[in-house]
Amino acid sequence: MTWSEVRFVTSDDVAIAVEEIGDPHLPVLVLVNGAASAKEWWDDELCELLADAGRRVVRYDLRDVGQSTTVPLGAATYTGEDLLRDLVAVIRDVSDAPVHLWGVSLGGGLVQTVAVRHPELVATTILQSTTAGGPGAEDADLPGPTPAILESFEHPPPEPDWDDPDAVVAAELAGLRAYAGTLGLDEVRAGQTIRRILDRDGPQRSGANHFMIEGGDPVDLADLRVPTLVIHGDADPLFPLEHGRHLAWLVPGAELLVVPGMGHEHPPAAAWDLVVPAVLAHTSTAS
């Protein structure tokens, strides 16, 4: 299959880069990135598997990453509410019918909120490697990040020489290793993705703005009424598995898929044999 040319959806004064693959008449599956991650972290091969199985796959760059509008690191004036509006703008642009939404980490939080606020736009949701917010979440006694992740927060590694592509790739691979589970990081595949984004867009420094902005208003997940699949790795070092279990418990009727060995990451190739059939089955329920 052939990817569409990148086009831009306008959200407020921001240009959001969007790519699509698959028959335009098929049900639409919108993929929502984690923080500071360009759309290519939804691997081409994964997207093609989904498209070959009968989905129109859409991936896009959040503002401040990839080909979407960026501002300098530390200069962001937007909030999580703007990221939500961006996602709604993408959905309305790509389909007149409700779409399936698959979000990872930050993207999973965006998907939760859009599905509650705009149920008319959403057919199903897939919430991966994320956690709950809002009522029922604050008082939950959930484990925090692993000691290694906490150490990386408190003592971050030195920044690479941003003018040295090899140094940038090495630094980004080191960061990905820390979040990968026991399945391990496919360093060849990940390195190719990093270089592809780096060659096209330069270092993705502005993506760190996502960690600095004010979040959006939380929603009550009891109001999330579309079919929901929660996907969580049992080796997630940022949000241990209990977060996925709790999230699935809060969303009425949600199903939980535990992926052995998966960490806090976009779906790794080693997990596709388990994850892809589950996603296709789930999104067929409202197709």
C-alpha atoms as a PDB file:
ATOM      1  CA  MET A   1       0.000   0.000   0.000  1.00  0.00           C
ATOM      2  CA  THR A   2       1.052   3.604  -0.567  1.00  0.00           C
ATOM      3  CA  TRP A   3       1.046   6.311   2.060  1.00  0.00           C
ATOM      4  CA  SER A   4      -0.707   9.554   1.234  1.00  0.00           C
ATOM      5  CA  GLU A   5       1.283  12.743   0.907  1.00  0.00           C
ATOM      6  CA  VAL A   6       1.607  14.538   4.223  1.00  0.00           C
ATOM      7  CA  ARG A   7      -1.045  17.213   4.468  1.00  0.00           C
ATOM      8  CA  PHE A   8      -1.801  19.745   7.146  1.00  0.00           C
ATOM      9  CA  VAL A   9      -4.914  20.193   9.244  1.00  0.00           C
ATOM     10  CA  THR A  10      -5.346  23.625  10.798  1.00  0.00           C
ATOM     11  CA  SER A  11      -6.149  23.765  14.501  1.00  0.00           C
ATOM     12  CA  ASP A  12      -6.323  27.348  15.775  1.00  0.00           C
ATOM     13  CA  ASP A  13      -3.149  28.830  14.260  1.00  0.00           C
ATOM     14  CA  VAL A  14      -1.268  25.523  14.271  1.00  0.00           C
ATOM     15  CA  ALA A  15      -0.594  23.227  11.300  1.00  0.00           C
ATOM     16  CA  ILE A  16      -0.926  19.544  12.212  1.00  0.00           C
ATOM     17  CA  ALA A  17       0.840  17.097   9.868  1.00  0.00           C
ATOM     18  CA  VAL A  18      -1.339  14.108   8.920  1.00  0.00           C
ATOM     19  CA  GLU A  19      -0.591  10.913   6.961  1.00  0.00           C
ATOM     20  CA  GLU A  20      -3.029   8.210   5.871  1.00  0.00           C
ATOM     21  CA  ILE A  21      -2.834   4.706   4.447  1.00  0.00           C
ATOM     22  CA  GLY A  22      -5.562   2.342   3.282  1.00  0.00           C
ATOM     23  CA  ASP A  23      -8.836   2.488   1.400  1.00  0.00           C
ATOM     24  CA  PRO A  24     -10.595   5.791   2.240  1.00  0.00           C
ATOM     25  CA  HIS A  25     -13.953   3.992   2.353  1.00  0.00           C
ATOM     26  CA  LEU A  26     -12.889   1.685   5.199  1.00  0.00           C
ATOM     27  CA  PRO A  27     -13.303   2.348   8.944  1.00  0.00           C
ATOM     28  CA  VAL A  28     -10.808   4.936  10.164  1.00  0.00           C
ATOM     29  CA  LEU A  29      -8.293   4.180  12.925  1.00  0.00           C
ATOM     30  CA  VAL A  30      -6.546   7.307  14.259  1.00  0.00           C
ATOM     31  CA  LEU A  31      -3.242   6.690  16.070  1.00  0.00           C
ATOM     32  CA  VAL A  32      -2.311   9.173  18.792  1.00  0.00           C
ATOM     33  CA  ASN A  33       1.352   9.439  19.812  1.00  0.00           C
ATOM     34  CA  GLY A  34       2.955   9.533  23.180  1.00  0.00           C
ATOM     35  CA  ALA A  35       4.636  12.743  24.365  1.00  0.00           C
ATOM     36  CA  ALA A  36       7.571  14.074  22.354  1.00  0.00           C
ATOM     37  CA  SER A  37       7.075  11.356  19.710  1.00  0.00           C
ATOM     38  CA  ALA A  38       6.724  11.948  15.986  1.00  0.00           C
ATOM     39  CA  LYS A  39       4.110  10.018  14.029  1.00  0.00           C
ATOM     40  CA  GLU A  40       6.707   7.594  12.632  1.00  0.00           C
ATOM     41  CA  TRP A  41       6.891   5.878  16.022  1.00  0.00           C
ATOM     42  CA  TRP A  42       3.723   4.200  14.786  1.00  0.00           C
ATOM     43  CA  ASP A  43       5.870   1.901  12.670  1.00  0.00           C
ATOM     44  CA  ASP A  44       5.188   1.838   8.913  1.00  0.00           C
ATOM     45  CA  GLU A  45       4.987  -1.945   8.910  1.00  0.00           C
ATOM     46  CA  LEU A  46       2.502  -1.973  11.781  1.00  0.00           C
ATOM     47  CA  CYS A  47       0.311   0.578  10.009  1.00  0.00           C
ATOM     48  CA  GLU A  48       0.455  -1.450   6.800  1.00  0.00           C
ATOM     49  CA  LEU A  49      -0.624  -4.597   8.647  1.00  0.00           C
ATOM     50  CA  LEU A  50      -3.653  -2.720   9.967  1.00  0.00           C
ATOM     51  CA  ALA A  51      -4.451  -1.227   6.570  1.00  0.00           C
ATOM     52  CA  ASP A  52      -4.144  -4.593   4.812  1.00  0.00           C
ATOM     53  CA  ALA A  53      -6.645  -5.963   7.333  1.00  0.00           C
ATOM     54  CA  GLY A  54      -9.285  -3.375   6.436  1.00  0.00           C
ATOM     55  CA  ARG A  55      -8.613  -0.141   8.262  1.00  0.00           C
ATOM     56  CA  ARG A  56      -7.939   3.358   6.999  1.00  0.00           C
ATOM     57  CA  VAL A  57      -4.977   4.208   9.239  1.00  0.00           C
ATOM     58  CA  VAL A  58      -4.268   7.811  10.181  1.00  0.00           C
ATOM     59  CA  ARG A  59      -1.229   9.006  12.115  1.00  0.00           C
ATOM     60  CA  TYR A  60      -0.328  12.597  12.896  1.00  0.00           C
ATOM     61  CA  ASP A  61       2.298  14.726  14.612  1.00  0.00           C
ATOM     62  CA  LEU A  62       1.258  16.415  17.822  1.00  0.00           C
ATOM     63  CA  ARG A  63       2.183  20.081  17.815  1.00  0.00           C
ATOM     64  CA  ASP A  64       5.865  20.556  18.690  1.00  0.00           C
ATOM     65  CA  VAL A  65       7.034  17.325  17.044  1.00  0.00           C
ATOM     66  CA  GLY A  66       7.749  16.118  13.536  1.00  0.00           C
ATOM     67  CA  GLN A  67       6.297  18.187  10.741  1.00  0.00           C
ATOM     68  CA  SER A  68       3.656  19.981  12.785  1.00  0.00           C
ATOM     69  CA  THR A  69       4.095  23.561  14.008  1.00  0.00           C
ATOM     70  CA  THR A  70       6.761  23.865  16.706  1.00  0.00           C
ATOM     71  CA  VAL A  71       7.930  26.562  19.082  1.00  0.00           C
ATOM     72  CA  PRO A  72      11.294  26.760  20.849  1.00  0.00           C
ATOM     73  CA  LEU A  73      11.857  24.585  23.878  1.00  0.00           C
ATOM     74  CA  GLY A  74      10.404  26.318  26.915  1.00  0.00           C
ATOM     75  CA  ALA A  75       8.362  28.789  24.854  1.00  0.00           C
ATOM     76  CA  ALA A  76       5.101  26.847  24.660  1.00  0.00           C
ATOM     77  CA  THR A  77       2.008  28.847  25.574  1.00  0.00           C
ATOM     78  CA  TYR A  78      -0.506  26.107  24.808  1.00  0.00           C
ATOM     79  CA  THR A  79      -2.024  23.598  27.239  1.00  0.00           C
ATOM     80  CA  GLY A  80      -3.356  20.068  27.191  1.00  0.00           C
ATOM     81  CA  GLU A  81      -6.689  21.527  26.103  1.00  0.00           C
ATOM     82  CA  ASP A  82      -5.044  22.643  22.855  1.00  0.00           C
ATOM     83  CA  LEU A  83      -3.720  19.135  22.221  1.00  0.00           C
ATOM     84  CA  LEU A  84      -7.295  17.888  22.662  1.00  0.00           C
ATOM     85  CA  ARG A  85      -8.596  20.441  20.162  1.00  0.00           C
ATOM     86  CA  ASP A  86      -5.900  19.350  17.720  1.00  0.00           C
ATOM     87  CA  LEU A  87      -7.068  15.731  17.939  1.00  0.00           C
ATOM     88  CA  VAL A  88     -10.701  16.734  17.439  1.00  0.00           C
ATOM     89  CA  ALA A  89      -9.689  18.777  14.383  1.00  0.00           C
ATOM     90  CA  VAL A  90      -7.877  15.766  12.913  1.00  0.00           C
ATOM     91  CA  ILE A  91     -10.860  13.459  13.524  1.00  0.00           C
ATOM     92  CA  ARG A  92     -13.303  15.861  11.887  1.00  0.00           C
ATOM     93  CA  ASP A  93     -10.986  16.327   8.932  1.00  0.00           C
ATOM     94  CA  VAL A  94     -10.387  12.651   8.164  1.00  0.00           C
ATOM     95  CA  SER A  95     -13.889  11.217   8.582  1.00  0.00           C
ATOM     96  CA  ASP A  96     -17.571  12.111   8.597  1.00  0.00           C
ATOM     97  CA  ALA A  97     -18.281   8.965  10.630  1.00  0.00           C
ATOM     98  CA  PRO A  98     -17.106   8.053  14.132  1.00  0.00           C
ATOM     99  CA  VAL A  99     -13.500   6.828  14.185  1.00  0.00           C
ATOM    100  CA  HIS A 100     -11.548   4.300  16.195  1.00  0.00           C
ATOM    101  CA  LEU A 101      -8.896   5.909  18.431  1.00  0.00           C
ATOM    102  CA  TRP A 102      -5.691   4.231  19.632  1.00  0.00           C
ATOM    103  CA  GLY A 103      -3.589   6.304  21.997  1.00  0.00           C
ATOM    104  CA  VAL A 104      -0.311   5.541  23.765  1.00  0.00           C
ATOM    105  CA  SER A 105       0.736   7.171  27.059  1.00  0.00           C
ATOM    106  CA  LEU A 106      -0.090  10.898  26.671  1.00  0.00           C
ATOM    107  CA  GLY A 107      -2.071   9.904  23.583  1.00  0.00           C
ATOM    108  CA  GLY A 108      -4.100   7.518  25.713  1.00  0.00           C
ATOM    109  CA  GLY A 109      -5.026  10.389  28.002  1.00  0.00           C
ATOM    110  CA  LEU A 110      -6.099  12.504  25.023  1.00  0.00           C
ATOM    111  CA  VAL A 111      -8.214   9.630  23.699  1.00  0.00           C
ATOM    112  CA  GLN A 112      -9.956   9.143  27.057  1.00  0.00           C
ATOM    113  CA  THR A 113     -10.967  12.792  27.207  1.00  0.00           C
ATOM    114  CA  VAL A 114     -12.119  13.108  23.608  1.00  0.00           C
ATOM    115  CA  ALA A 115     -14.214   9.948  23.917  1.00  0.00           C
ATOM    116  CA  VAL A 116     -16.010  11.335  26.979  1.00  0.00           C
ATOM    117  CA  ARG A 117     -16.489  14.854  25.646  1.00  0.00           C
ATOM    118  CA  HIS A 118     -17.237  13.962  22.033  1.00  0.00           C
ATOM    119  CA  PRO A 119     -18.754  10.459  21.975  1.00  0.00           C
ATOM    120  CA  GLU A 120     -20.380  11.246  18.631  1.00  0.00           C
ATOM    121  CA  LEU A 121     -16.892  11.290  17.059  1.00  0.00           C
ATOM    122  CA  VAL A 122     -15.663   7.993  18.501  1.00  0.00           C
ATOM    123  CA  ALA A 123     -16.563   4.406  17.598  1.00  0.00           C
ATOM    124  CA  THR A 124     -14.124   2.619  19.934  1.00  0.00           C
ATOM    125  CA  THR A 125     -11.063   3.452  22.012  1.00  0.00           C
ATOM    126  CA  ILE A 126      -7.791   1.629  22.620  1.00  0.00           C
ATOM    127  CA  LEU A 127      -5.844   2.914  25.613  1.00  0.00           C
ATOM    128  CA  GLN A 128      -2.255   1.685  25.712  1.00  0.00           C
ATOM    129  CA  SER A 129       0.511   2.198  28.278  1.00  0.00           C
ATOM    130  CA  THR A 130      -1.434   4.948  30.005  1.00  0.00           C
ATOM    131  CA  THR A 131      -3.190   5.683  33.272  1.00  0.00           C
ATOM    132  CA  ALA A 132      -6.425   7.174  34.533  1.00  0.00           C
ATOM    133  CA  GLY A 133      -7.197  10.694  35.661  1.00  0.00           C
ATOM    134  CA  GLY A 134     -10.257  12.264  37.208  1.00  0.00           C
ATOM    135  CA  PRO A 135     -12.719  10.795  39.724  1.00  0.00           C
ATOM    136  CA  GLY A 136     -11.756   7.346  40.946  1.00  0.00           C
ATOM    137  CA  ALA A 137      -8.109   7.841  40.050  1.00  0.00           C
ATOM    138  CA  GLU A 138      -6.715  10.248  42.645  1.00  0.00           C
ATOM    139  CA  ASP A 139      -7.297   7.963  45.624  1.00  0.00           C
ATOM    140  CA  ALA A 140      -6.070   4.778  43.966  1.00  0.00           C
ATOM    141  CA  ASP A 141      -3.014   3.305  45.648  1.00  0.00           C
ATOM    142  CA  LEU A 142      -1.047   2.640  42.465  1.00  0.00           C
ATOM    143  CA  PRO A 143       2.695   1.953  42.272  1.00  0.00           C
ATOM    144  CA  GLY A 144       4.961   4.643  40.925  1.00  0.00           C
ATOM    145  CA  PRO A 145       7.776   4.398  38.391  1.00  0.00           C
ATOM    146  CA  THR A 146      10.637   1.995  38.936  1.00  0.00           C
ATOM    147  CA  PRO A 147      13.715   3.233  40.841  1.00  0.00           C
ATOM    148  CA  ALA A 148      15.697   3.383  37.592  1.00  0.00           C
ATOM    149  CA  ILE A 149      13.129   5.685  35.980  1.00  0.00           C
ATOM    150  CA  LEU A 150      12.962   7.871  39.089  1.00  0.00           C
ATOM    151  CA  GLU A 151      16.751   8.112  39.058  1.00  0.00           C
ATOM    152  CA  SER A 152      16.658   9.275  35.435  1.00  0.00           C
ATOM    153  CA  PHE A 153      14.169  12.000  36.424  1.00  0.00           C
ATOM    154  CA  GLU A 154      16.328  13.209  39.305  1.00  0.00           C
ATOM    155  CA  HIS A 155      19.660  12.905  37.503  1.00  0.00           C
ATOM    156  CA  PRO A 156      19.039  13.152  33.767  1.00  0.00           C
ATOM    157  CA  PRO A 157      21.903  12.230  31.472  1.00  0.00           C
ATOM    158  CA  PRO A 158      23.886  15.069  29.885  1.00  0.00           C
ATOM    159  CA  GLU A 159      22.456  16.417  26.653  1.00  0.00           C
ATOM    160  CA  PRO A 160      24.162  15.207  23.484  1.00  0.00           C
ATOM    161  CA  ASP A 161      25.867  17.453  20.980  1.00  0.00           C
ATOM    162  CA  TRP A 162      22.766  18.357  18.980  1.00  0.00           C
ATOM    163  CA  ASP A 163      24.929  19.068  15.924  1.00  0.00           C
ATOM    164  CA  ASP A 164      26.230  15.479  15.932  1.00  0.00           C
ATOM    165  CA  PRO A 165      23.582  13.115  14.497  1.00  0.00           C
ATOM    166  CA  ASP A 166      25.349  10.018  15.807  1.00  0.00           C
ATOM    167  CA  ALA A 167      25.378  11.458  19.329  1.00  0.00           C
ATOM    168  CA  VAL A 168      21.685  12.346  19.094  1.00  0.00           C
ATOM    169  CA  VAL A 169      20.789   8.838  17.926  1.00  0.00           C
ATOM    170  CA  ALA A 170      22.844   7.261  20.712  1.00  0.00           C
ATOM    171  CA  ALA A 171      21.185   9.460  23.344  1.00  0.00           C
ATOM    172  CA  GLU A 172      17.690   8.729  22.087  1.00  0.00           C
ATOM    173  CA  LEU A 173      18.362   4.984  21.968  1.00  0.00           C
ATOM    174  CA  ALA A 174      19.594   5.118  25.562  1.00  0.00           C
ATOM    175  CA  GLY A 175      16.343   6.805  26.588  1.00  0.00           C
ATOM    176  CA  LEU A 176      14.247   4.220  24.758  1.00  0.00           C
ATOM    177  CA  ARG A 177      16.145   1.354  26.405  1.00  0.00           C
ATOM    178  CA  ALA A 178      15.155   2.675  29.809  1.00  0.00           C
ATOM    179  CA  TYR A 179      11.447   2.444  28.946  1.00  0.00           C
ATOM    180  CA  ALA A 180      11.518  -0.802  26.966  1.00  0.00           C
ATOM    181  CA  GLY A 181      10.342  -3.916  28.759  1.00  0.00           C
ATOM    182  CA  THR A 182      11.852  -7.355  28.914  1.00  0.00           C
ATOM    183  CA  LEU A 183      10.999  -7.888  25.246  1.00  0.00           C
ATOM    184  CA  GLY A 184      13.949  -5.579  24.672  1.00  0.00           C
ATOM    185  CA  LEU A 185      14.432  -2.697  22.300  1.00  0.00           C
ATOM    186  CA  ASP A 186      14.739  -3.415  18.580  1.00  0.00           C
ATOM    187  CA  GLU A 187      17.707  -1.088  18.216  1.00  0.00           C
ATOM    188  CA  VAL A 188      18.025  -1.439  14.455  1.00  0.00           C
ATOM    189  CA  ARG A 189      14.380  -0.547  13.848  1.00  0.00           C
ATOM    190  CA  ALA A 190      14.439   2.229  16.459  1.00  0.00           C
ATOM    191  CA  GLY A 191      17.684   3.675  15.131  1.00  0.00           C
ATOM    192  CA  GLN A 192      16.276   3.800  11.615  1.00  0.00           C
ATOM    193  CA  THR A 193      13.216   5.664  12.878  1.00  0.00           C
ATOM    194  CA  ILE A 194      15.309   8.167  14.829  1.00  0.00           C
ATOM    195  CA  ARG A 195      17.539   8.874  11.827  1.00  0.00           C
ATOM    196  CA  ARG A 196      14.561   9.213   9.489  1.00  0.00           C
ATOM    197  CA  ILE A 197      12.964  11.858  11.723  1.00  0.00           C
ATOM    198  CA  LEU A 198      16.296  13.540  12.417  1.00  0.00           C
ATOM    199  CA  ASP A 199      17.223  13.785   8.731  1.00  0.00           C
ATOM    200  CA  ARG A 200      13.862  15.312   7.858  1.00  0.00           C
ATOM    201  CA  ASP A 201      13.056  17.522  10.850  1.00  0.00           C
ATOM    202  CA  GLY A 202      16.256  17.891  12.845  1.00  0.00           C
ATOM    203  CA  PRO A 203      16.545  17.188  16.588  1.00  0.00           C
ATOM    204  CA  GLN A 204      13.151  16.885  18.264  1.00  0.00           C
ATOM    205  CA  ARG A 205      13.984  19.199  21.177  1.00  0.00           C
ATOM    206  CA  SER A 206      10.645  21.051  21.134  1.00  0.00           C
ATOM    207  CA  GLY A 207       8.811  17.825  21.948  1.00  0.00           C
ATOM    208  CA  ALA A 208       9.940  18.194  25.554  1.00  0.00           C
ATOM    209  CA  ASN A 209       7.442  21.056  25.814  1.00  0.00           C
ATOM    210  CA  HIS A 210       4.799  18.356  26.252  1.00  0.00           C
ATOM    211  CA  PHE A 211       6.222  17.633  29.701  1.00  0.00           C
ATOM    212  CA  MET A 212       6.070  21.305  30.719  1.00  0.00           C
ATOM    213  CA  ILE A 213       2.554  22.325  29.746  1.00  0.00           C
ATOM    214  CA  GLU A 214      -0.502  22.433  31.961  1.00  0.00           C
ATOM    215  CA  GLY A 215      -2.759  19.413  31.500  1.00  0.00           C
ATOM    216  CA  GLY A 216      -6.383  19.482  30.447  1.00  0.00           C
ATOM    217  CA  ASP A 217      -9.331  19.117  32.792  1.00  0.00           C
ATOM    218  CA  PRO A 218      -9.799  15.459  33.794  1.00  0.00           C
ATOM    219  CA  VAL A 219     -12.949  13.564  32.888  1.00  0.00           C
ATOM    220  CA  ASP A 220     -14.974  10.965  34.758  1.00  0.00           C
ATOM    221  CA  LEU A 221     -14.185   7.645  33.107  1.00  0.00           C
ATOM    222  CA  ALA A 222     -17.563   6.326  34.206  1.00  0.00           C
ATOM    223  CA  ASP A 223     -18.816   8.475  31.327  1.00  0.00           C
ATOM    224  CA  LEU A 224     -16.617   6.727  28.748  1.00  0.00           C
ATOM    225  CA  ARG A 225     -19.340   4.699  27.051  1.00  0.00           C
ATOM    226  CA  VAL A 226     -17.776   3.493  23.798  1.00  0.00           C
ATOM    227  CA  PRO A 227     -16.224  -0.002  23.589  1.00  0.00           C
ATOM    228  CA  THR A 228     -12.746   0.230  25.120  1.00  0.00           C
ATOM    229  CA  LEU A 229      -9.699  -2.015  25.013  1.00  0.00           C
ATOM    230  CA  VAL A 230      -6.913  -1.341  27.508  1.00  0.00           C
ATOM    231  CA  ILE A 231      -3.490  -2.627  26.409  1.00  0.00           C
ATOM    232  CA  HIS A 232      -0.732  -2.656  28.999  1.00  0.00           C
ATOM    233  CA  GLY A 233       2.668  -4.280  29.266  1.00  0.00           C
ATOM    234  CA  ASP A 234       3.522  -6.238  32.379  1.00  0.00           C
ATOM    235  CA  ALA A 235       7.024  -4.695  32.297  1.00  0.00           C
ATOM    236  CA  ASP A 236       6.007  -1.016  32.042  1.00  0.00           C
ATOM    237  CA  PRO A 237       8.535   0.899  34.191  1.00  0.00           C
ATOM    238  CA  LEU A 238       6.631   4.213  34.199  1.00  0.00           C
ATOM    239  CA  PHE A 239       3.061   3.029  34.751  1.00  0.00           C
ATOM    240  CA  PRO A 240       3.301  -0.490  36.217  1.00  0.00           C
ATOM    241  CA  LEU A 241       0.616  -2.966  35.216  1.00  0.00           C
ATOM    242  CA  GLU A 242      -1.665  -1.994  38.114  1.00  0.00           C
ATOM    243  CA  HIS A 243      -2.334   1.278  36.257  1.00  0.00           C
ATOM    244  CA  GLY A 244      -3.718  -0.628  33.280  1.00  0.00           C
ATOM    245  CA  ARG A 245      -5.808  -2.881  35.491  1.00  0.00           C
ATOM    246  CA  HIS A 246      -7.230   0.116  37.364  1.00  0.00           C
ATOM    247  CA  LEU A 247      -7.978   1.960  34.129  1.00  0.00           C
ATOM    248  CA  ALA A 248      -9.852  -1.044  32.729  1.00  0.00           C
ATOM    249  CA  TRP A 249     -11.815  -1.281  35.993  1.00  0.00           C
ATOM    250  CA  LEU A 250     -12.854   2.392  35.824  1.00  0.00           C
ATOM    251  CA  VAL A 251     -14.108   2.313  32.209  1.00  0.00           C
ATOM    252  CA  PRO A 252     -17.496   0.576  31.973  1.00  0.00           C
ATOM    253  CA  GLY A 253     -17.221  -2.710  30.084  1.00  0.00           C
ATOM    254  CA  ALA A 254     -13.548  -2.251  29.170  1.00  0.00           C
ATOM    255  CA  GLU A 255     -11.431  -5.256  28.257  1.00  0.00           C
ATOM    256  CA  LEU A 256      -7.802  -5.599  29.328  1.00  0.00           C
ATOM    257  CA  LEU A 257      -5.030  -7.114  27.227  1.00  0.00           C
ATOM    258  CA  VAL A 258      -1.816  -7.708  29.176  1.00  0.00           C
ATOM    259  CA  VAL A 259       1.227  -7.921  26.909  1.00  0.00           C
ATOM    260  CA  PRO A 260       4.034 -10.007  28.435  1.00  0.00           C
ATOM    261  CA  GLY A 261       7.361  -8.201  28.417  1.00  0.00           C
ATOM    262  CA  MET A 262       6.127  -4.917  26.918  1.00  0.00           C
ATOM    263  CA  GLY A 263       7.349  -1.731  28.554  1.00  0.00           C
ATOM    264  CA  HIS A 264       6.248   1.888  28.216  1.00  0.00           C
ATOM    265  CA  GLU A 265       6.468   2.248  24.464  1.00  0.00           C
ATOM    266  CA  HIS A 266       4.651   2.345  21.172  1.00  0.00           C
ATOM    267  CA  PRO A 267       3.713  -1.201  20.148  1.00  0.00           C
ATOM    268  CA  PRO A 268       7.015  -3.070  19.660  1.00  0.00           C
ATOM    269  CA  ALA A 269       7.285  -5.481  16.737  1.00  0.00           C
ATOM    270  CA  ALA A 270       7.789  -8.388  19.144  1.00  0.00           C
ATOM    271  CA  ALA A 271       4.247  -7.813  20.452  1.00  0.00           C
ATOM    272  CA  TRP A 272       2.420  -7.365  17.147  1.00  0.00           C
ATOM    273  CA  ASP A 273       1.323 -11.007  16.903  1.00  0.00           C
ATOM    274  CA  LEU A 274      -0.677 -10.475  20.090  1.00  0.00           C
ATOM    275  CA  VAL A 275      -1.654  -6.821  19.791  1.00  0.00           C
ATOM    276  CA  VAL A 276      -2.709  -6.549  16.130  1.00  0.00           C
ATOM    277  CA  PRO A 277      -5.370  -9.305  16.184  1.00  0.00           C
ATOM    278  CA  ALA A 278      -6.789  -7.846  19.398  1.00  0.00           C
ATOM    279  CA  VAL A 279      -6.991  -4.367  17.891  1.00  0.00           C
ATOM    280  CA  LEU A 280      -8.613  -5.656  14.710  1.00  0.00           C
ATOM    281  CA  ALA A 281     -11.163  -7.671  16.665  1.00  0.00           C
ATOM    282  CA  HIS A 282     -11.948  -4.734  18.912  1.00  0.00           C
ATOM    283  CA  THR A 283     -12.342  -2.223  16.094  1.00  0.00           C
ATOM    284  CA  SER A 284     -14.563  -4.614  14.131  1.00  0.00           C
ATOM    285  CA  THR A 285     -17.219  -4.327  16.855  1.00  0.00           C
ATOM    286  CA  ALA A 286     -18.363  -0.953  15.540  1.00  0.00           C
ATOM    287  CA  SER A 287     -17.221  -1.112  11.927  1.00  0.00           C
END
